[in-house]
Amino acid sequence: MRGTIGRTFCHNYTPFENGSVIFLPQLSIKGGAELLFDGVKKHQVTLPCQPEPWDIRNLLKWIKQNLLKERPELFMQGESVRPGILVLINDADWELMGELDYKLQDQDNVLFISTLHGG
């Protein structure tokens, strides 16, 4: 259930939906991809206010600018994740949720799992 505890509202933009910043209590990177993020597997993320709703497309841009530490080409391809990176939103495959267009909700959990392994 999505709560309202600690919700911060945007003041400089026309509100969308509830007009609040988005808090992701668990943004996880696993399957070896965490090495591109200085080995950090779990992040708690508060996404800042912006004029349009946060979707996965914008989240990936934010991740690239703020969390990804090296070799972005191993995590991203264009504006999406590379093939072989499984994305789960609240334990559901992102393909069932609208992929890049999924509108993030406060308290969503997002998991990126690399299924690519060298040999």
PDB file of N, CA and C in Angstrom:
ATOM      1  N   MET A   1       0.841  -1.179   0.000  1.00  0.00           N
ATOM      2  CA  MET A   1       0.000   0.000   0.000  1.00  0.00           C
ATOM      3  C   MET A   1       0.885   1.240   0.000  1.00  0.00           C
ATOM      4  N   ARG A   2       0.524   2.203  -0.775  1.00  0.00           N
ATOM      5  CA  ARG A   2       1.328   3.412  -0.871  1.00  0.00           C
ATOM      6  C   ARG A   2       0.882   4.401   0.188  1.00  0.00           C
ATOM      7  N   GLY A   3       1.824   4.871   0.973  1.00  0.00           N
ATOM      8  CA  GLY A   3       1.492   5.768   2.066  1.00  0.00           C
ATOM      9  C   GLY A   3       1.741   7.219   1.731  1.00  0.00           C
ATOM     10  N   THR A   4       1.366   8.076   2.661  1.00  0.00           N
ATOM     11  CA  THR A   4       1.576   9.511   2.482  1.00  0.00           C
ATOM     12  C   THR A   4       2.528  10.070   3.529  1.00  0.00           C
ATOM     13  N   ILE A   5       3.122   9.211   4.315  1.00  0.00           N
ATOM     14  CA  ILE A   5       4.022   9.674   5.373  1.00  0.00           C
ATOM     15  C   ILE A   5       5.252  10.307   4.741  1.00  0.00           C
ATOM     16  N   GLY A   6       5.590  11.497   5.190  1.00  0.00           N
ATOM     17  CA  GLY A   6       6.790  12.177   4.739  1.00  0.00           C
ATOM     18  C   GLY A   6       6.709  12.703   3.313  1.00  0.00           C
ATOM     19  N   ARG A   7       5.540  12.826   2.758  1.00  0.00           N
ATOM     20  CA  ARG A   7       5.377  13.287   1.380  1.00  0.00           C
ATOM     21  C   ARG A   7       5.766  14.765   1.277  1.00  0.00           C
ATOM     22  N   THR A   8       6.533  15.098   0.259  1.00  0.00           N
ATOM     23  CA  THR A   8       6.933  16.469  -0.012  1.00  0.00           C
ATOM     24  C   THR A   8       6.248  16.912  -1.288  1.00  0.00           C
ATOM     25  N   PHE A   9       5.706  18.108  -1.293  1.00  0.00           N
ATOM     26  CA  PHE A   9       4.983  18.587  -2.458  1.00  0.00           C
ATOM     27  C   PHE A   9       5.828  19.555  -3.268  1.00  0.00           C
ATOM     28  N   CYS A  10       5.617  19.521  -4.586  1.00  0.00           N
ATOM     29  CA  CYS A  10       6.291  20.434  -5.504  1.00  0.00           C
ATOM     30  C   CYS A  10       5.617  21.796  -5.411  1.00  0.00           C
ATOM     31  N   HIS A  11       6.403  22.830  -5.339  1.00  0.00           N
ATOM     32  CA  HIS A  11       5.848  24.172  -5.231  1.00  0.00           C
ATOM     33  C   HIS A  11       6.062  25.002  -6.491  1.00  0.00           C
ATOM     34  N   ASN A  12       7.043  24.631  -7.311  1.00  0.00           N
ATOM     35  CA  ASN A  12       7.386  25.449  -8.466  1.00  0.00           C
ATOM     36  C   ASN A  12       6.766  24.971  -9.772  1.00  0.00           C
ATOM     37  N   TYR A  13       6.032  23.872  -9.732  1.00  0.00           N
ATOM     38  CA  TYR A  13       5.470  23.316 -10.949  1.00  0.00           C
ATOM     39  C   TYR A  13       3.986  23.106 -10.790  1.00  0.00           C
ATOM     40  N   THR A  14       3.292  23.061 -11.937  1.00  0.00           N
ATOM     41  CA  THR A  14       1.884  22.687 -11.924  1.00  0.00           C
ATOM     42  C   THR A  14       1.819  21.235 -11.485  1.00  0.00           C
ATOM     43  N   PRO A  15       1.040  20.916 -10.469  1.00  0.00           N
ATOM     44  CA  PRO A  15       1.030  19.545  -9.957  1.00  0.00           C
ATOM     45  C   PRO A  15       0.514  18.544 -10.981  1.00  0.00           C
ATOM     46  N   PHE A  16       1.118  17.373 -10.976  1.00  0.00           N
ATOM     47  CA  PHE A  16       0.608  16.236 -11.708  1.00  0.00           C
ATOM     48  C   PHE A  16       0.161  15.232 -10.666  1.00  0.00           C
ATOM     49  N   GLU A  17      -0.945  14.578 -10.916  1.00  0.00           N
ATOM     50  CA  GLU A  17      -1.537  13.626  -9.971  1.00  0.00           C
ATOM     51  C   GLU A  17      -1.530  14.235  -8.579  1.00  0.00           C
ATOM     52  N   ASN A  18      -0.653  13.751  -7.687  1.00  0.00           N
ATOM     53  CA  ASN A  18      -0.652  14.289  -6.328  1.00  0.00           C
ATOM     54  C   ASN A  18       0.369  15.404  -6.145  1.00  0.00           C
ATOM     55  N   GLY A  19       1.116  15.745  -7.195  1.00  0.00           N
ATOM     56  CA  GLY A  19       2.048  16.863  -7.139  1.00  0.00           C
ATOM     57  C   GLY A  19       3.206  16.687  -6.182  1.00  0.00           C
ATOM     58  N   SER A  20       3.576  15.457  -5.883  1.00  0.00           N
ATOM     59  CA  SER A  20       4.628  15.245  -4.893  1.00  0.00           C
ATOM     60  C   SER A  20       5.883  14.666  -5.530  1.00  0.00           C
ATOM     61  N   VAL A  21       6.979  14.767  -4.810  1.00  0.00           N
ATOM     62  CA  VAL A  21       8.183  14.064  -5.211  1.00  0.00           C
ATOM     63  C   VAL A  21       7.912  12.571  -5.025  1.00  0.00           C
ATOM     64  N   ILE A  22       8.732  11.750  -5.624  1.00  0.00           N
ATOM     65  CA  ILE A  22       8.558  10.300  -5.559  1.00  0.00           C
ATOM     66  C   ILE A  22       9.659   9.708  -4.687  1.00  0.00           C
ATOM     67  N   PHE A  23       9.268   8.899  -3.722  1.00  0.00           N
ATOM     68  CA  PHE A  23      10.229   8.181  -2.881  1.00  0.00           C
ATOM     69  C   PHE A  23      10.198   6.710  -3.263  1.00  0.00           C
ATOM     70  N   LEU A  24      11.354   6.188  -3.657  1.00  0.00           N
ATOM     71  CA  LEU A  24      11.503   4.773  -3.973  1.00  0.00           C
ATOM     72  C   LEU A  24      12.286   4.134  -2.825  1.00  0.00           C
ATOM     73  N   PRO A  25      11.607   3.400  -1.925  1.00  0.00           N
ATOM     74  CA  PRO A  25      12.301   2.858  -0.764  1.00  0.00           C
ATOM     75  C   PRO A  25      13.336   1.798  -1.113  1.00  0.00           C
ATOM     76  N   GLN A  26      13.161   1.143  -2.260  1.00  0.00           N
ATOM     77  CA  GLN A  26      14.130   0.135  -2.647  1.00  0.00           C
ATOM     78  C   GLN A  26      14.341   0.157  -4.153  1.00  0.00           C
ATOM     79  N   LEU A  27      15.446   0.763  -4.550  1.00  0.00           N
ATOM     80  CA  LEU A  27      15.920   0.716  -5.926  1.00  0.00           C
ATOM     81  C   LEU A  27      17.125  -0.209  -5.873  1.00  0.00           C
ATOM     82  N   SER A  28      16.992  -1.405  -6.444  1.00  0.00           N
ATOM     83  CA  SER A  28      18.028  -2.428  -6.309  1.00  0.00           C
ATOM     84  C   SER A  28      18.645  -2.766  -7.653  1.00  0.00           C
ATOM     85  N   ILE A  29      19.943  -3.064  -7.612  1.00  0.00           N
ATOM     86  CA  ILE A  29      20.687  -3.485  -8.784  1.00  0.00           C
ATOM     87  C   ILE A  29      21.399  -4.772  -8.405  1.00  0.00           C
ATOM     88  N   LYS A  30      21.151  -5.854  -9.159  1.00  0.00           N
ATOM     89  CA  LYS A  30      21.719  -7.158  -8.799  1.00  0.00           C
ATOM     90  C   LYS A  30      22.224  -7.890 -10.026  1.00  0.00           C
ATOM     91  N   GLY A  31      22.742  -9.086  -9.798  1.00  0.00           N
ATOM     92  CA  GLY A  31      23.205  -9.948 -10.884  1.00  0.00           C
ATOM     93  C   GLY A  31      24.550  -9.543 -11.457  1.00  0.00           C
ATOM     94  N   GLY A  32      25.317  -8.774 -10.716  1.00  0.00           N
ATOM     95  CA  GLY A  32      26.616  -8.301 -11.181  1.00  0.00           C
ATOM     96  C   GLY A  32      26.594  -6.861 -11.659  1.00  0.00           C
ATOM     97  N   ALA A  33      25.409  -6.338 -12.024  1.00  0.00           N
ATOM     98  CA  ALA A  33      25.321  -4.951 -12.495  1.00  0.00           C
ATOM     99  C   ALA A  33      25.669  -3.963 -11.390  1.00  0.00           C
ATOM    100  N   GLU A  34      25.565  -4.390 -10.128  1.00  0.00           N
ATOM    101  CA  GLU A  34      25.893  -3.484  -9.017  1.00  0.00           C
ATOM    102  C   GLU A  34      27.348  -3.028  -9.055  1.00  0.00           C
ATOM    103  N   LEU A  35      28.210  -3.773  -9.743  1.00  0.00           N
ATOM    104  CA  LEU A  35      29.613  -3.369  -9.865  1.00  0.00           C
ATOM    105  C   LEU A  35      29.749  -2.049 -10.618  1.00  0.00           C
ATOM    106  N   LEU A  36      28.777  -1.731 -11.466  1.00  0.00           N
ATOM    107  CA  LEU A  36      28.777  -0.462 -12.189  1.00  0.00           C
ATOM    108  C   LEU A  36      28.333   0.692 -11.297  1.00  0.00           C
ATOM    109  N   PHE A  37      27.846   0.355 -10.101  1.00  0.00           N
ATOM    110  CA  PHE A  37      27.328   1.330  -9.134  1.00  0.00           C
ATOM    111  C   PHE A  37      28.170   1.299  -7.855  1.00  0.00           C
ATOM    112  N   ASP A  38      29.480   1.151  -8.017  1.00  0.00           N
ATOM    113  CA  ASP A  38      30.413   1.045  -6.891  1.00  0.00           C
ATOM    114  C   ASP A  38      30.065  -0.100  -5.946  1.00  0.00           C
ATOM    115  N   GLY A  39      29.455  -1.150  -6.471  1.00  0.00           N
ATOM    116  CA  GLY A  39      29.138  -2.320  -5.670  1.00  0.00           C
ATOM    117  C   GLY A  39      27.926  -2.169  -4.771  1.00  0.00           C
ATOM    118  N   VAL A  40      27.237  -1.036  -4.856  1.00  0.00           N
ATOM    119  CA  VAL A  40      26.065  -0.796  -4.005  1.00  0.00           C
ATOM    120  C   VAL A  40      24.848  -1.437  -4.662  1.00  0.00           C
ATOM    121  N   LYS A  41      24.204  -2.366  -3.936  1.00  0.00           N
ATOM    122  CA  LYS A  41      23.064  -3.102  -4.486  1.00  0.00           C
ATOM    123  C   LYS A  41      21.727  -2.433  -4.206  1.00  0.00           C
ATOM    124  N   LYS A  42      21.601  -1.753  -3.078  1.00  0.00           N
ATOM    125  CA  LYS A  42      20.309  -1.179  -2.697  1.00  0.00           C
ATOM    126  C   LYS A  42      20.445   0.307  -2.436  1.00  0.00           C
ATOM    127  N   HIS A  43      19.495   1.050  -2.964  1.00  0.00           N
ATOM    128  CA  HIS A  43      19.467   2.501  -2.811  1.00  0.00           C
ATOM    129  C   HIS A  43      18.066   2.911  -2.371  1.00  0.00           C
ATOM    130  N   GLN A  44      17.980   3.896  -1.502  1.00  0.00           N
ATOM    131  CA  GLN A  44      16.717   4.573  -1.218  1.00  0.00           C
ATOM    132  C   GLN A  44      16.802   5.906  -1.939  1.00  0.00           C
ATOM    133  N   VAL A  45      15.823   6.165  -2.793  1.00  0.00           N
ATOM    134  CA  VAL A  45      15.906   7.307  -3.695  1.00  0.00           C
ATOM    135  C   VAL A  45      14.693   8.207  -3.535  1.00  0.00           C
ATOM    136  N   THR A  46      14.950   9.500  -3.411  1.00  0.00           N
ATOM    137  CA  THR A  46      13.889  10.502  -3.484  1.00  0.00           C
ATOM    138  C   THR A  46      14.112  11.285  -4.762  1.00  0.00           C
ATOM    139  N   LEU A  47      13.179  11.138  -5.692  1.00  0.00           N
ATOM    140  CA  LEU A  47      13.283  11.828  -6.977  1.00  0.00           C
ATOM    141  C   LEU A  47      12.734  13.243  -6.829  1.00  0.00           C
ATOM    142  N   PRO A  48      13.446  14.231  -7.335  1.00  0.00           N
ATOM    143  CA  PRO A  48      13.027  15.627  -7.159  1.00  0.00           C
ATOM    144  C   PRO A  48      11.804  15.988  -7.987  1.00  0.00           C
ATOM    145  N   CYS A  49      11.216  17.112  -7.652  1.00  0.00           N
ATOM    146  CA  CYS A  49      10.088  17.645  -8.424  1.00  0.00           C
ATOM    147  C   CYS A  49      10.540  17.929  -9.850  1.00  0.00           C
ATOM    148  N   GLN A  50       9.635  17.709 -10.777  1.00  0.00           N
ATOM    149  CA  GLN A  50       9.872  18.071 -12.173  1.00  0.00           C
ATOM    150  C   GLN A  50       8.522  18.351 -12.806  1.00  0.00           C
ATOM    151  N   PRO A  51       8.522  19.031 -13.946  1.00  0.00           N
ATOM    152  CA  PRO A  51       7.244  19.448 -14.526  1.00  0.00           C
ATOM    153  C   PRO A  51       6.352  18.299 -14.995  1.00  0.00           C
ATOM    154  N   GLU A  52       6.942  17.153 -15.374  1.00  0.00           N
ATOM    155  CA  GLU A  52       6.126  16.033 -15.828  1.00  0.00           C
ATOM    156  C   GLU A  52       6.235  14.875 -14.835  1.00  0.00           C
ATOM    157  N   PRO A  53       5.277  13.944 -14.861  1.00  0.00           N
ATOM    158  CA  PRO A  53       5.354  12.797 -13.941  1.00  0.00           C
ATOM    159  C   PRO A  53       6.614  11.976 -14.191  1.00  0.00           C
ATOM    160  N   TRP A  54       7.116  11.378 -13.142  1.00  0.00           N
ATOM    161  CA  TRP A  54       8.276  10.500 -13.262  1.00  0.00           C
ATOM    162  C   TRP A  54       7.828   9.190 -13.903  1.00  0.00           C
ATOM    163  N   ASP A  55       8.564   8.768 -14.932  1.00  0.00           N
ATOM    164  CA  ASP A  55       8.348   7.449 -15.515  1.00  0.00           C
ATOM    165  C   ASP A  55       9.702   6.735 -15.534  1.00  0.00           C
ATOM    166  N   ILE A  56       9.702   5.487 -15.982  1.00  0.00           N
ATOM    167  CA  ILE A  56      10.945   4.715 -15.983  1.00  0.00           C
ATOM    168  C   ILE A  56      11.973   5.353 -16.911  1.00  0.00           C
ATOM    169  N   ARG A  57      11.528   5.915 -18.005  1.00  0.00           N
ATOM    170  CA  ARG A  57      12.445   6.593 -18.938  1.00  0.00           C
ATOM    171  C   ARG A  57      13.224   7.697 -18.210  1.00  0.00           C
ATOM    172  N   ASN A  58      12.506   8.538 -17.461  1.00  0.00           N
ATOM    173  CA  ASN A  58      13.171   9.616 -16.717  1.00  0.00           C
ATOM    174  C   ASN A  58      13.989   9.073 -15.555  1.00  0.00           C
ATOM    175  N   LEU A  59      13.510   7.989 -14.939  1.00  0.00           N
ATOM    176  CA  LEU A  59      14.278   7.365 -13.856  1.00  0.00           C
ATOM    177  C   LEU A  59      15.625   6.877 -14.369  1.00  0.00           C
ATOM    178  N   LEU A  60      15.651   6.259 -15.544  1.00  0.00           N
ATOM    179  CA  LEU A  60      16.919   5.770 -16.094  1.00  0.00           C
ATOM    180  C   LEU A  60      17.893   6.919 -16.372  1.00  0.00           C
ATOM    181  N   LYS A  61      17.383   8.035 -16.876  1.00  0.00           N
ATOM    182  CA  LYS A  61      18.250   9.209 -17.066  1.00  0.00           C
ATOM    183  C   LYS A  61      18.821   9.666 -15.731  1.00  0.00           C
ATOM    184  N   TRP A  62      17.958   9.702 -14.691  1.00  0.00           N
ATOM    185  CA  TRP A  62      18.392  10.132 -13.367  1.00  0.00           C
ATOM    186  C   TRP A  62      19.428   9.162 -12.804  1.00  0.00           C
ATOM    187  N   ILE A  63      19.201   7.863 -12.976  1.00  0.00           N
ATOM    188  CA  ILE A  63      20.153   6.852 -12.507  1.00  0.00           C
ATOM    189  C   ILE A  63      21.502   7.054 -13.183  1.00  0.00           C
ATOM    190  N   LYS A  64      21.488   7.273 -14.503  1.00  0.00           N
ATOM    191  CA  LYS A  64      22.743   7.461 -15.240  1.00  0.00           C
ATOM    192  C   LYS A  64      23.505   8.679 -14.727  1.00  0.00           C
ATOM    193  N   GLN A  65      22.788   9.759 -14.403  1.00  0.00           N
ATOM    194  CA  GLN A  65      23.437  10.988 -13.937  1.00  0.00           C
ATOM    195  C   GLN A  65      23.856  10.933 -12.470  1.00  0.00           C
ATOM    196  N   ASN A  66      23.148  10.155 -11.643  1.00  0.00           N
ATOM    197  CA  ASN A  66      23.350  10.246 -10.199  1.00  0.00           C
ATOM    198  C   ASN A  66      23.868   8.992  -9.505  1.00  0.00           C
ATOM    199  N   LEU A  67      23.663   7.817 -10.078  1.00  0.00           N
ATOM    200  CA  LEU A  67      24.069   6.592  -9.393  1.00  0.00           C
ATOM    201  C   LEU A  67      25.109   5.775 -10.148  1.00  0.00           C
ATOM    202  N   LEU A  68      25.002   5.729 -11.452  1.00  0.00           N
ATOM    203  CA  LEU A  68      25.885   4.915 -12.279  1.00  0.00           C
ATOM    204  C   LEU A  68      27.290   5.504 -12.252  1.00  0.00           C
ATOM    205  N   LYS A  69      28.271   4.686 -11.845  1.00  0.00           N
ATOM    206  CA  LYS A  69      29.626   5.203 -11.647  1.00  0.00           C
ATOM    207  C   LYS A  69      30.574   4.901 -12.796  1.00  0.00           C
ATOM    208  N   GLU A  70      30.330   3.818 -13.535  1.00  0.00           N
ATOM    209  CA  GLU A  70      31.243   3.485 -14.619  1.00  0.00           C
ATOM    210  C   GLU A  70      30.553   2.688 -15.708  1.00  0.00           C
ATOM    211  N   ARG A  71      31.107   2.721 -16.886  1.00  0.00           N
ATOM    212  CA  ARG A  71      30.700   1.939 -18.045  1.00  0.00           C
ATOM    213  C   ARG A  71      29.194   1.924 -18.282  1.00  0.00           C
ATOM    214  N   PRO A  72      28.592   3.091 -18.504  1.00  0.00           N
ATOM    215  CA  PRO A  72      27.143   3.148 -18.708  1.00  0.00           C
ATOM    216  C   PRO A  72      26.660   2.277 -19.869  1.00  0.00           C
ATOM    217  N   GLU A  73      27.535   2.018 -20.832  1.00  0.00           N
ATOM    218  CA  GLU A  73      27.146   1.187 -21.979  1.00  0.00           C
ATOM    219  C   GLU A  73      26.839  -0.256 -21.580  1.00  0.00           C
ATOM    220  N   LEU A  74      27.292  -0.677 -20.399  1.00  0.00           N
ATOM    221  CA  LEU A  74      26.982  -2.029 -19.923  1.00  0.00           C
ATOM    222  C   LEU A  74      25.633  -2.101 -19.210  1.00  0.00           C
ATOM    223  N   PHE A  75      25.059  -0.947 -18.894  1.00  0.00           N
ATOM    224  CA  PHE A  75      23.765  -0.909 -18.218  1.00  0.00           C
ATOM    225  C   PHE A  75      22.667  -0.359 -19.126  1.00  0.00           C
ATOM    226  N   MET A  76      23.020   0.614 -19.958  1.00  0.00           N
ATOM    227  CA  MET A  76      22.017   1.285 -20.786  1.00  0.00           C
ATOM    228  C   MET A  76      22.347   1.164 -22.268  1.00  0.00           C
ATOM    229  N   GLN A  77      21.286   1.170 -23.058  1.00  0.00           N
ATOM    230  CA  GLN A  77      21.422   1.230 -24.513  1.00  0.00           C
ATOM    231  C   GLN A  77      20.386   2.230 -24.992  1.00  0.00           C
ATOM    232  N   GLY A  78      20.858   3.367 -25.492  1.00  0.00           N
ATOM    233  CA  GLY A  78      19.946   4.455 -25.838  1.00  0.00           C
ATOM    234  C   GLY A  78      19.304   4.983 -24.567  1.00  0.00           C
ATOM    235  N   GLU A  79      17.977   5.080 -24.560  1.00  0.00           N
ATOM    236  CA  GLU A  79      17.285   5.588 -23.365  1.00  0.00           C
ATOM    237  C   GLU A  79      16.731   4.466 -22.490  1.00  0.00           C
ATOM    238  N   SER A  80      17.067   3.215 -22.833  1.00  0.00           N
ATOM    239  CA  SER A  80      16.553   2.069 -22.089  1.00  0.00           C
ATOM    240  C   SER A  80      17.707   1.275 -21.479  1.00  0.00           C
ATOM    241  N   VAL A  81      17.365   0.196 -20.788  1.00  0.00           N
ATOM    242  CA  VAL A  81      18.397  -0.709 -20.282  1.00  0.00           C
ATOM    243  C   VAL A  81      18.839  -1.603 -21.431  1.00  0.00           C
ATOM    244  N   ARG A  82      20.033  -2.146 -21.305  1.00  0.00           N
ATOM    245  CA  ARG A  82      20.534  -3.075 -22.326  1.00  0.00           C
ATOM    246  C   ARG A  82      19.697  -4.347 -22.326  1.00  0.00           C
ATOM    247  N   PRO A  83      19.610  -4.998 -23.477  1.00  0.00           N
ATOM    248  CA  PRO A  83      18.991  -6.325 -23.474  1.00  0.00           C
ATOM    249  C   PRO A  83      19.747  -7.224 -22.489  1.00  0.00           C
ATOM    250  N   GLY A  84      19.030  -8.031 -21.752  1.00  0.00           N
ATOM    251  CA  GLY A  84      19.664  -8.884 -20.750  1.00  0.00           C
ATOM    252  C   GLY A  84      19.567  -8.317 -19.352  1.00  0.00           C
ATOM    253  N   ILE A  85      19.024  -7.107 -19.206  1.00  0.00           N
ATOM    254  CA  ILE A  85      18.772  -6.548 -17.875  1.00  0.00           C
ATOM    255  C   ILE A  85      17.270  -6.656 -17.632  1.00  0.00           C
ATOM    256  N   LEU A  86      16.918  -7.464 -16.663  1.00  0.00           N
ATOM    257  CA  LEU A  86      15.525  -7.656 -16.284  1.00  0.00           C
ATOM    258  C   LEU A  86      15.119  -6.532 -15.347  1.00  0.00           C
ATOM    259  N   VAL A  87      13.957  -5.935 -15.603  1.00  0.00           N
ATOM    260  CA  VAL A  87      13.463  -4.848 -14.763  1.00  0.00           C
ATOM    261  C   VAL A  87      12.147  -5.299 -14.121  1.00  0.00           C
ATOM    262  N   LEU A  88      12.097  -5.216 -12.800  1.00  0.00           N
ATOM    263  CA  LEU A  88      10.889  -5.538 -12.055  1.00  0.00           C
ATOM    264  C   LEU A  88      10.409  -4.300 -11.322  1.00  0.00           C
ATOM    265  N   ILE A  89       9.110  -4.061 -11.392  1.00  0.00           N
ATOM    266  CA  ILE A  89       8.481  -2.956 -10.668  1.00  0.00           C
ATOM    267  C   ILE A  89       7.485  -3.585  -9.711  1.00  0.00           C
ATOM    268  N   ASN A  90       7.746  -3.427  -8.422  1.00  0.00           N
ATOM    269  CA  ASN A  90       6.903  -4.054  -7.394  1.00  0.00           C
ATOM    270  C   ASN A  90       6.736  -5.547  -7.680  1.00  0.00           C
ATOM    271  N   ASP A  91       7.865  -6.200  -8.003  1.00  0.00           N
ATOM    272  CA  ASP A  91       7.944  -7.644  -8.256  1.00  0.00           C
ATOM    273  C   ASP A  91       7.248  -8.105  -9.529  1.00  0.00           C
ATOM    274  N   ALA A  92       6.862  -7.203 -10.417  1.00  0.00           N
ATOM    275  CA  ALA A  92       6.238  -7.566 -11.690  1.00  0.00           C
ATOM    276  C   ALA A  92       7.156  -7.138 -12.835  1.00  0.00           C
ATOM    277  N   ASP A  93       7.213  -7.954 -13.874  1.00  0.00           N
ATOM    278  CA  ASP A  93       8.010  -7.649 -15.056  1.00  0.00           C
ATOM    279  C   ASP A  93       7.547  -6.328 -15.663  1.00  0.00           C
ATOM    280  N   TRP A  94       8.497  -5.449 -15.948  1.00  0.00           N
ATOM    281  CA  TRP A  94       8.138  -4.133 -16.467  1.00  0.00           C
ATOM    282  C   TRP A  94       7.433  -4.205 -17.810  1.00  0.00           C
ATOM    283  N   GLU A  95       7.594  -5.300 -18.551  1.00  0.00           N
ATOM    284  CA  GLU A  95       6.887  -5.459 -19.821  1.00  0.00           C
ATOM    285  C   GLU A  95       5.377  -5.497 -19.605  1.00  0.00           C
ATOM    286  N   LEU A  96       4.942  -5.939 -18.431  1.00  0.00           N
ATOM    287  CA  LEU A  96       3.518  -5.962 -18.094  1.00  0.00           C
ATOM    288  C   LEU A  96       3.033  -4.613 -17.574  1.00  0.00           C
ATOM    289  N   MET A  97       3.964  -3.727 -17.267  1.00  0.00           N
ATOM    290  CA  MET A  97       3.644  -2.449 -16.629  1.00  0.00           C
ATOM    291  C   MET A  97       3.744  -1.250 -17.580  1.00  0.00           C
ATOM    292  N   GLY A  98       4.199  -1.486 -18.809  1.00  0.00           N
ATOM    293  CA  GLY A  98       4.329  -0.378 -19.761  1.00  0.00           C
ATOM    294  C   GLY A  98       5.761   0.015 -20.051  1.00  0.00           C
ATOM    295  N   GLU A  99       6.718  -0.751 -19.546  1.00  0.00           N
ATOM    296  CA  GLU A  99       8.145  -0.520 -19.768  1.00  0.00           C
ATOM    297  C   GLU A  99       8.540   0.927 -19.470  1.00  0.00           C
ATOM    298  N   LEU A 100       9.132   1.621 -20.433  1.00  0.00           N
ATOM    299  CA  LEU A 100       9.656   2.985 -20.212  1.00  0.00           C
ATOM    300  C   LEU A 100       8.569   3.981 -19.842  1.00  0.00           C
ATOM    301  N   ASP A 101       7.333   3.712 -20.232  1.00  0.00           N
ATOM    302  CA  ASP A 101       6.244   4.655 -19.996  1.00  0.00           C
ATOM    303  C   ASP A 101       5.554   4.476 -18.646  1.00  0.00           C
ATOM    304  N   TYR A 102       5.941   3.466 -17.868  1.00  0.00           N
ATOM    305  CA  TYR A 102       5.311   3.257 -16.564  1.00  0.00           C
ATOM    306  C   TYR A 102       5.502   4.494 -15.692  1.00  0.00           C
ATOM    307  N   LYS A 103       4.413   5.040 -15.170  1.00  0.00           N
ATOM    308  CA  LYS A 103       4.466   6.213 -14.288  1.00  0.00           C
ATOM    309  C   LYS A 103       4.765   5.753 -12.864  1.00  0.00           C
ATOM    310  N   LEU A 104       5.900   6.187 -12.356  1.00  0.00           N
ATOM    311  CA  LEU A 104       6.301   5.809 -11.008  1.00  0.00           C
ATOM    312  C   LEU A 104       5.333   6.365  -9.972  1.00  0.00           C
ATOM    313  N   GLN A 105       5.098   5.577  -8.952  1.00  0.00           N
ATOM    314  CA  GLN A 105       4.250   5.963  -7.838  1.00  0.00           C
ATOM    315  C   GLN A 105       5.117   6.022  -6.580  1.00  0.00           C
ATOM    316  N   ASP A 106       4.727   6.861  -5.655  1.00  0.00           N
ATOM    317  CA  ASP A 106       5.411   6.926  -4.372  1.00  0.00           C
ATOM    318  C   ASP A 106       5.408   5.532  -3.751  1.00  0.00           C
ATOM    319  N   GLN A 107       6.552   5.107  -3.231  1.00  0.00           N
ATOM    320  CA  GLN A 107       6.752   3.824  -2.553  1.00  0.00           C
ATOM    321  C   GLN A 107       6.924   2.636  -3.506  1.00  0.00           C
ATOM    322  N   ASP A 108       7.070   2.874  -4.816  1.00  0.00           N
ATOM    323  CA  ASP A 108       7.369   1.777  -5.728  1.00  0.00           C
ATOM    324  C   ASP A 108       8.735   1.195  -5.407  1.00  0.00           C
ATOM    325  N   ASN A 109       8.880  -0.108  -5.646  1.00  0.00           N
ATOM    326  CA  ASN A 109      10.174  -0.770  -5.576  1.00  0.00           C
ATOM    327  C   ASN A 109      10.580  -1.144  -6.990  1.00  0.00           C
ATOM    328  N   VAL A 110      11.814  -0.792  -7.366  1.00  0.00           N
ATOM    329  CA  VAL A 110      12.311  -1.059  -8.713  1.00  0.00           C
ATOM    330  C   VAL A 110      13.584  -1.877  -8.595  1.00  0.00           C
ATOM    331  N   LEU A 111      13.637  -2.975  -9.365  1.00  0.00           N
ATOM    332  CA  LEU A 111      14.768  -3.898  -9.309  1.00  0.00           C
ATOM    333  C   LEU A 111      15.307  -4.112 -10.714  1.00  0.00           C
ATOM    334  N   PHE A 112      16.625  -3.974 -10.860  1.00  0.00           N
ATOM    335  CA  PHE A 112      17.308  -4.246 -12.118  1.00  0.00           C
ATOM    336  C   PHE A 112      18.215  -5.463 -11.875  1.00  0.00           C
ATOM    337  N   ILE A 113      18.036  -6.517 -12.668  1.00  0.00           N
ATOM    338  CA  ILE A 113      18.843  -7.730 -12.526  1.00  0.00           C
ATOM    339  C   ILE A 113      19.540  -8.008 -13.849  1.00  0.00           C
ATOM    340  N   SER A 114      20.853  -8.068 -13.820  1.00  0.00           N
ATOM    341  CA  SER A 114      21.610  -8.424 -15.014  1.00  0.00           C
ATOM    342  C   SER A 114      21.568  -9.934 -15.178  1.00  0.00           C
ATOM    343  N   THR A 115      21.200 -10.358 -16.383  1.00  0.00           N
ATOM    344  CA  THR A 115      21.236 -11.785 -16.694  1.00  0.00           C
ATOM    345  C   THR A 115      22.430 -12.085 -17.593  1.00  0.00           C
ATOM    346  N   LEU A 116      23.281 -11.079 -17.794  1.00  0.00           N
ATOM    347  CA  LEU A 116      24.463 -11.220 -18.653  1.00  0.00           C
ATOM    348  C   LEU A 116      25.673 -11.541 -17.792  1.00  0.00           C
ATOM    349  N   HIS A 117      26.377 -12.587 -18.165  1.00  0.00           N
ATOM    350  CA  HIS A 117      27.559 -12.981 -17.412  1.00  0.00           C
ATOM    351  C   HIS A 117      28.658 -13.352 -18.397  1.00  0.00           C
ATOM    352  N   GLY A 118      29.847 -12.861 -18.114  1.00  0.00           N
ATOM    353  CA  GLY A 118      30.989 -13.154 -18.969  1.00  0.00           C
ATOM    354  C   GLY A 118      31.432 -14.596 -18.788  1.00  0.00           C
ATOM    355  N   GLY A 119      32.235 -15.033 -19.694  1.00  0.00           N
ATOM    356  CA  GLY A 119      32.690 -16.428 -19.574  1.00  0.00           C
ATOM    357  C   GLY A 119      33.980 -16.640 -20.297  1.00  0.00           C
TER     358      GLY A 119
END
